[in-house]
Amino acid sequence: MKYLILLAATVACNRAPVIDTAHVAPPPNEAERVAPPSVTRAAPGEPSLYGIDVGIVDDRGAHVKLDVGRGHPTLISMFYGSCSVACPALLGELKQVAALSPPETRIVLVSFDAARDTPERLRELMATYKLDDRWTLAAANDADARALAAVLGIKYRRTQAGEFFHTSVIVGVDEDGRPVARMTGLGDPAPLVSAMAR
C-alpha cells in the first residue's frame, strides 16, 4: 500500500507543469538570507577606487565622480530606487552604520537604473529615507554601472520585467578612496563599523 501511495505521488509530481526558470524570479538575495553577512578587511596597498573613471549624476543633476567623499571615510554601494526588498534593507543597514560611525563618514549610493533614478527621483528618495548631507545618491549609465559593480564585487542583472536581481555589498574606503573593508550580505553592521575605525 505504501508503495502505491509513493508511486501515485511520483506520477503526480512528474505531471506537474514545467516552469521556465529563466522567467521566474528567485527570492531576492536568497544567498544572503541563508548565509550571515561577512566582513573582510582589504589587503594593504589596494589601489584607490577614486582612480576609476566612472561618471555619475547626483540628486542635484551634477555630473560628478566617485570621489565625492574624498577627504572622509566613505561607504560605497549600489542600489536602484524602485527596489522593494533588498535596497530598503541596504539603506537601513547603511543608516545603522552611519549612526555608529564618526560624523565625518560619508555614504555614496550609486543606482544602476539611471533611466528611472533621475535626479528628481533621487531627491524623493533622500526625503523618503530622511538622508542628510553626508549622503550622496547618484546614478550611473549602464557602462559605468557595470564597471563600478565589477570593482565593488557587486553582481546584478536586469530581468525581463525591468527589475534587478543583485547582491548587497558595502565597501568602506579611507579618505583617499583606498578600500578598508567589504561587507557582503546584510545583518549586523558592527564588524563593518569596527573595521572602518581601525
Protein backbone atom coordinates (compact mmCIF):
# COMPACT_ATOMS: atom_id res chain seq x y z
CA MET A 1 0.00 0.00 0.00
CA LYS A 2 2.81 2.44 0.90
CA TYR A 3 4.41 1.61 -2.43
CA LEU A 4 1.21 2.52 -4.30
CA ILE A 5 0.89 5.85 -2.47
CA LEU A 6 4.53 6.68 -3.22
CA LEU A 7 4.07 5.66 -6.86
CA ALA A 8 0.95 7.84 -7.16
CA ALA A 9 2.76 10.81 -5.64
CA THR A 10 5.69 10.33 -8.01
CA VAL A 11 3.41 10.22 -11.04
CA ALA A 12 1.56 13.33 -9.84
CA CYS A 13 4.84 15.21 -9.41
CA ASN A 14 6.03 14.15 -12.84
CA ARG A 15 2.81 15.51 -14.36
CA ALA A 16 3.26 18.90 -12.70
CA PRO A 17 3.65 21.73 -15.20
CA VAL A 18 7.18 22.56 -16.23
CA ILE A 19 8.22 26.03 -15.11
CA ASP A 20 10.59 28.05 -17.24
CA THR A 21 13.03 29.10 -14.53
CA ALA A 22 14.64 31.67 -16.81
CA HIS A 23 11.49 33.76 -16.44
CA VAL A 24 10.80 33.16 -12.76
CA ALA A 25 12.35 35.47 -10.23
CA PRO A 26 14.26 33.75 -7.45
CA PRO A 27 13.60 35.11 -3.99
CA PRO A 28 15.51 38.38 -3.53
CA ASN A 29 19.05 37.83 -2.31
CA GLU A 30 18.36 34.19 -1.47
CA ALA A 31 22.03 33.53 -0.68
CA GLU A 32 22.12 36.45 1.73
CA ARG A 33 19.17 35.09 3.71
CA VAL A 34 20.94 31.77 4.14
CA ALA A 35 24.43 32.97 4.97
CA PRO A 36 25.18 35.59 7.62
CA PRO A 37 26.89 38.74 6.42
CA SER A 38 30.66 38.64 6.20
CA VAL A 39 33.09 41.49 6.63
CA THR A 40 36.59 41.23 5.21
CA ARG A 41 39.41 43.72 5.62
CA ALA A 42 41.09 44.89 2.45
CA ALA A 43 44.65 43.86 1.73
CA PRO A 44 47.22 46.59 2.41
CA GLY A 45 48.21 48.59 -0.65
CA GLU A 46 44.98 48.17 -2.62
CA PRO A 47 44.64 50.97 -5.18
CA SER A 48 42.21 53.81 -4.62
CA LEU A 49 38.72 53.39 -6.04
CA TYR A 50 38.86 57.08 -6.88
CA GLY A 51 41.15 56.28 -9.78
CA ILE A 52 38.30 54.52 -11.59
CA ASP A 53 36.95 56.54 -14.49
CA VAL A 54 33.27 56.28 -13.60
CA GLY A 55 30.90 59.19 -14.07
CA ILE A 56 27.74 59.53 -12.01
CA VAL A 57 24.89 62.05 -11.87
CA ASP A 58 23.84 63.07 -8.37
CA ASP A 59 20.48 64.16 -6.95
CA ARG A 60 21.15 67.78 -8.00
CA GLY A 61 21.78 66.74 -11.59
CA ALA A 62 25.52 67.43 -11.29
CA HIS A 63 27.96 65.19 -13.16
CA VAL A 64 30.40 64.04 -10.50
CA LYS A 65 32.98 61.33 -9.95
CA LEU A 66 33.06 58.58 -7.38
CA ASP A 67 35.39 60.66 -5.20
CA VAL A 68 32.60 62.92 -3.85
CA GLY A 69 33.58 61.63 -0.40
CA ARG A 70 37.29 62.38 -0.80
CA GLY A 71 38.83 63.53 2.46
CA HIS A 72 36.38 61.45 4.52
CA PRO A 73 35.97 57.76 5.30
CA THR A 74 33.25 56.68 2.89
CA LEU A 75 30.87 53.75 2.45
CA ILE A 76 30.08 52.92 -1.18
CA SER A 77 27.36 50.63 -2.50
CA MET A 78 24.88 50.23 -5.35
CA PHE A 79 21.09 50.04 -5.48
CA TYR A 80 18.07 51.02 -7.52
CA GLY A 81 15.24 53.22 -6.33
CA SER A 82 12.22 51.11 -7.28
CA CYS A 83 13.56 48.04 -5.44
CA SER A 84 11.08 46.96 -2.80
CA VAL A 85 13.05 44.41 -0.75
CA ALA A 86 16.84 44.36 -0.76
CA CYS A 87 17.50 48.06 -1.35
CA PRO A 88 15.35 49.35 1.53
CA ALA A 89 17.15 46.80 3.73
CA LEU A 90 20.51 48.02 2.38
CA LEU A 91 19.56 51.63 3.10
CA GLY A 92 18.52 50.64 6.61
CA GLU A 93 21.84 48.88 7.13
CA LEU A 94 23.77 51.89 5.88
CA LYS A 95 21.79 54.18 8.17
CA GLN A 96 22.77 51.96 11.11
CA VAL A 97 26.43 52.05 10.07
CA ALA A 98 26.26 55.83 9.65
CA ALA A 99 24.72 56.23 13.11
CA LEU A 100 27.54 54.17 14.65
CA SER A 101 30.31 55.87 12.66
CA PRO A 102 32.10 59.17 13.21
CA PRO A 103 30.16 62.18 11.86
CA GLU A 104 32.70 62.75 9.10
CA THR A 105 31.78 59.42 7.46
CA ARG A 106 30.17 59.80 4.03
CA ILE A 107 27.86 57.41 2.18
CA VAL A 108 27.71 57.13 -1.61
CA LEU A 109 24.96 55.02 -3.19
CA VAL A 110 25.04 54.61 -6.95
CA SER A 111 21.99 53.38 -8.86
CA PHE A 112 22.36 51.00 -11.79
CA ASP A 113 18.93 52.15 -13.04
CA ALA A 114 19.69 55.60 -14.45
CA ALA A 115 16.61 55.57 -16.68
CA ARG A 116 14.27 55.64 -13.66
CA ASP A 117 16.55 57.06 -10.98
CA THR A 118 16.62 60.60 -12.28
CA PRO A 119 17.89 63.45 -10.08
CA GLU A 120 14.28 64.23 -9.16
CA ARG A 121 13.65 60.61 -8.13
CA LEU A 122 16.90 60.56 -6.13
CA ARG A 123 15.79 63.70 -4.27
CA GLU A 124 12.50 61.98 -3.45
CA LEU A 125 14.42 59.01 -2.06
CA MET A 126 16.61 61.34 0.02
CA ALA A 127 13.45 62.82 1.54
CA THR A 128 11.66 59.48 1.97
CA TYR A 129 14.58 57.93 3.85
CA LYS A 130 15.44 61.19 5.69
CA LEU A 131 19.04 61.18 4.46
CA ASP A 132 21.24 64.09 5.49
CA ASP A 133 24.06 65.84 3.64
CA ARG A 134 26.52 63.05 4.46
CA TRP A 135 24.71 61.00 1.80
CA THR A 136 25.15 61.17 -1.95
CA LEU A 137 22.61 59.34 -4.10
CA ALA A 138 23.61 59.15 -7.74
CA ALA A 139 23.02 57.11 -10.88
CA ALA A 140 25.42 55.75 -13.48
CA ASN A 141 24.81 54.87 -17.11
CA ASP A 142 24.90 51.18 -18.00
CA ALA A 143 28.59 51.01 -18.92
CA ASP A 144 29.75 52.93 -15.85
CA ALA A 145 27.41 50.99 -13.56
CA ARG A 146 28.83 47.70 -14.80
CA ALA A 147 32.41 48.93 -14.40
CA LEU A 148 31.74 50.10 -10.85
CA ALA A 149 29.87 46.92 -9.92
CA ALA A 150 32.80 44.81 -11.14
CA VAL A 151 35.25 46.76 -8.97
CA LEU A 152 33.00 46.65 -5.90
CA GLY A 153 32.23 42.95 -6.35
CA ILE A 154 28.50 43.53 -6.83
CA LYS A 155 26.64 41.20 -9.17
CA TYR A 156 23.41 42.28 -10.79
CA ARG A 157 21.24 41.56 -13.77
CA ARG A 158 18.12 43.12 -15.21
CA THR A 159 15.01 40.93 -15.52
CA GLN A 160 12.54 40.99 -18.40
CA ALA A 161 10.17 42.84 -16.08
CA GLY A 162 12.69 45.66 -15.73
CA GLU A 163 13.67 44.88 -12.15
CA PHE A 164 17.15 43.89 -10.97
CA PHE A 165 18.49 40.92 -9.08
CA HIS A 166 21.61 41.96 -7.21
CA THR A 167 23.90 41.20 -4.32
CA SER A 168 24.22 43.59 -1.40
CA VAL A 169 27.79 44.71 -0.86
CA ILE A 170 29.10 47.71 1.09
CA VAL A 171 32.71 48.78 0.53
CA GLY A 172 34.34 51.07 3.06
CA VAL A 173 37.18 53.26 1.82
CA ASP A 174 39.56 55.62 3.58
CA GLU A 175 39.95 59.36 2.97
CA ASP A 176 41.83 58.69 -0.28
CA GLY A 177 39.46 56.04 -1.60
CA ARG A 178 41.57 53.01 -0.69
CA PRO A 179 39.41 50.03 0.30
CA VAL A 180 39.46 49.29 4.03
CA ALA A 181 36.67 46.74 4.45
CA ARG A 182 33.96 44.98 2.47
CA MET A 183 30.66 43.68 3.82
CA THR A 184 28.77 41.09 1.79
CA GLY A 185 25.14 40.48 2.73
CA LEU A 186 23.02 42.22 5.30
CA GLY A 187 22.91 41.75 9.05
CA ASP A 188 24.92 43.01 12.00
CA PRO A 189 26.80 46.16 10.87
CA ALA A 190 29.08 46.26 13.93
CA PRO A 191 32.00 44.38 12.28
CA LEU A 192 32.00 46.85 9.39
CA VAL A 193 31.96 49.81 11.77
CA SER A 194 34.84 48.25 13.71
CA ALA A 195 36.86 47.57 10.55
CA MET A 196 36.37 51.15 9.37
CA ALA A 197 37.54 52.52 12.73
CA ARG A 198 40.95 50.85 12.61
